[in-house]
Amino acid sequence: MSTVLTVLLIISAVLLITVIILQPGKSNGLSGAISGGAEQLFGKQKVRGLELILHRTTIVLSIIFFGLLIALAFFM
């Protein structure tokens, strides 16, 4: 069981790294950090199209990754 979980954990880690690298950078220096925080606070969405898919895929893969990590720790 732990071998299967380890293989699935490695696959999910590689997929998670790939999806994170594919996402565009959001920093525009100090002014981007300040205005970006204000836009998120007031609910402005800047995520569109492919960025939305990558964002949601990152969330799903991170949940899978941590779930597998906890399961692997439980079975060892």
Protein backbone atom coordinates (compact mmCIF):
# COMPACT_ATOMS: atom_id res chain seq x y z
CA MET A 1 0.00 0.00 0.00
CA SER A 2 2.77 2.43 0.83
CA THR A 3 4.46 1.79 -2.53
CA VAL A 4 1.29 2.74 -4.41
CA LEU A 5 0.85 5.86 -2.28
CA THR A 6 4.49 6.83 -2.81
CA VAL A 7 4.18 6.51 -6.58
CA LEU A 8 0.96 8.54 -6.57
CA LEU A 9 2.62 11.15 -4.35
CA ILE A 10 5.55 11.50 -6.76
CA ILE A 11 3.21 11.81 -9.75
CA SER A 12 1.10 14.44 -8.02
CA ALA A 13 4.23 16.36 -6.96
CA VAL A 14 5.55 16.46 -10.53
CA LEU A 15 2.15 17.58 -11.86
CA LEU A 16 1.87 20.23 -9.15
CA ILE A 17 5.33 21.61 -9.95
CA THR A 18 4.48 21.68 -13.67
CA VAL A 19 1.21 23.54 -13.14
CA ILE A 20 2.86 26.07 -10.83
CA ILE A 21 5.63 26.75 -13.34
CA LEU A 22 3.08 27.26 -16.14
CA GLN A 23 1.32 30.05 -14.25
CA PRO A 24 2.27 33.60 -15.20
CA GLY A 25 4.00 35.84 -12.68
CA LYS A 26 1.79 38.34 -10.88
CA SER A 27 4.36 40.67 -9.36
CA ASN A 28 4.84 44.14 -10.81
CA GLY A 29 7.32 45.34 -8.26
CA LEU A 30 6.32 47.15 -5.09
CA SER A 31 3.40 48.99 -6.70
CA GLY A 32 1.95 45.72 -7.98
CA ALA A 33 2.19 44.19 -4.54
CA ILE A 34 0.33 47.09 -2.94
CA SER A 35 -2.39 47.43 -5.56
CA GLY A 36 -2.70 43.66 -5.95
CA GLY A 37 -3.51 43.28 -2.28
CA ALA A 38 -6.11 46.04 -2.47
CA GLU A 39 -7.73 44.49 -5.54
CA GLN A 40 -8.02 41.13 -3.82
CA LEU A 41 -9.43 42.78 -0.70
CA PHE A 42 -12.19 44.52 -2.64
CA GLY A 43 -12.99 41.50 -4.78
CA LYS A 44 -11.59 42.36 -8.21
CA GLN A 45 -10.87 39.18 -10.17
CA LYS A 46 -7.85 39.26 -12.43
CA VAL A 47 -7.92 35.54 -13.23
CA ARG A 48 -9.27 34.75 -16.71
CA GLY A 49 -9.33 31.84 -19.16
CA LEU A 50 -6.28 29.64 -18.98
CA GLU A 51 -5.12 31.29 -15.77
CA LEU A 52 -8.41 30.26 -14.12
CA ILE A 53 -7.93 26.65 -15.21
CA LEU A 54 -4.34 26.63 -13.95
CA HIS A 55 -5.43 28.21 -10.67
CA ARG A 56 -8.15 25.63 -10.06
CA THR A 57 -5.87 22.77 -11.13
CA THR A 58 -3.26 23.98 -8.63
CA ILE A 59 -5.83 23.93 -5.84
CA VAL A 60 -7.05 20.42 -6.73
CA LEU A 61 -3.52 19.03 -7.10
CA SER A 62 -2.41 20.55 -3.79
CA ILE A 63 -5.38 18.97 -2.00
CA ILE A 64 -4.55 15.61 -3.61
CA PHE A 65 -0.87 16.01 -2.72
CA PHE A 66 -1.52 16.74 0.96
CA GLY A 67 -4.16 14.03 1.17
CA LEU A 68 -1.70 11.48 -0.19
CA LEU A 69 0.98 12.77 2.16
CA ILE A 70 -1.28 12.32 5.19
CA ALA A 71 -2.40 8.88 3.99
CA LEU A 72 1.21 7.82 3.46
CA ALA A 73 2.16 8.99 6.95
CA PHE A 74 -0.80 7.09 8.39
CA PHE A 75 0.08 3.81 6.67
CA MET A 76 3.80 3.87 7.47
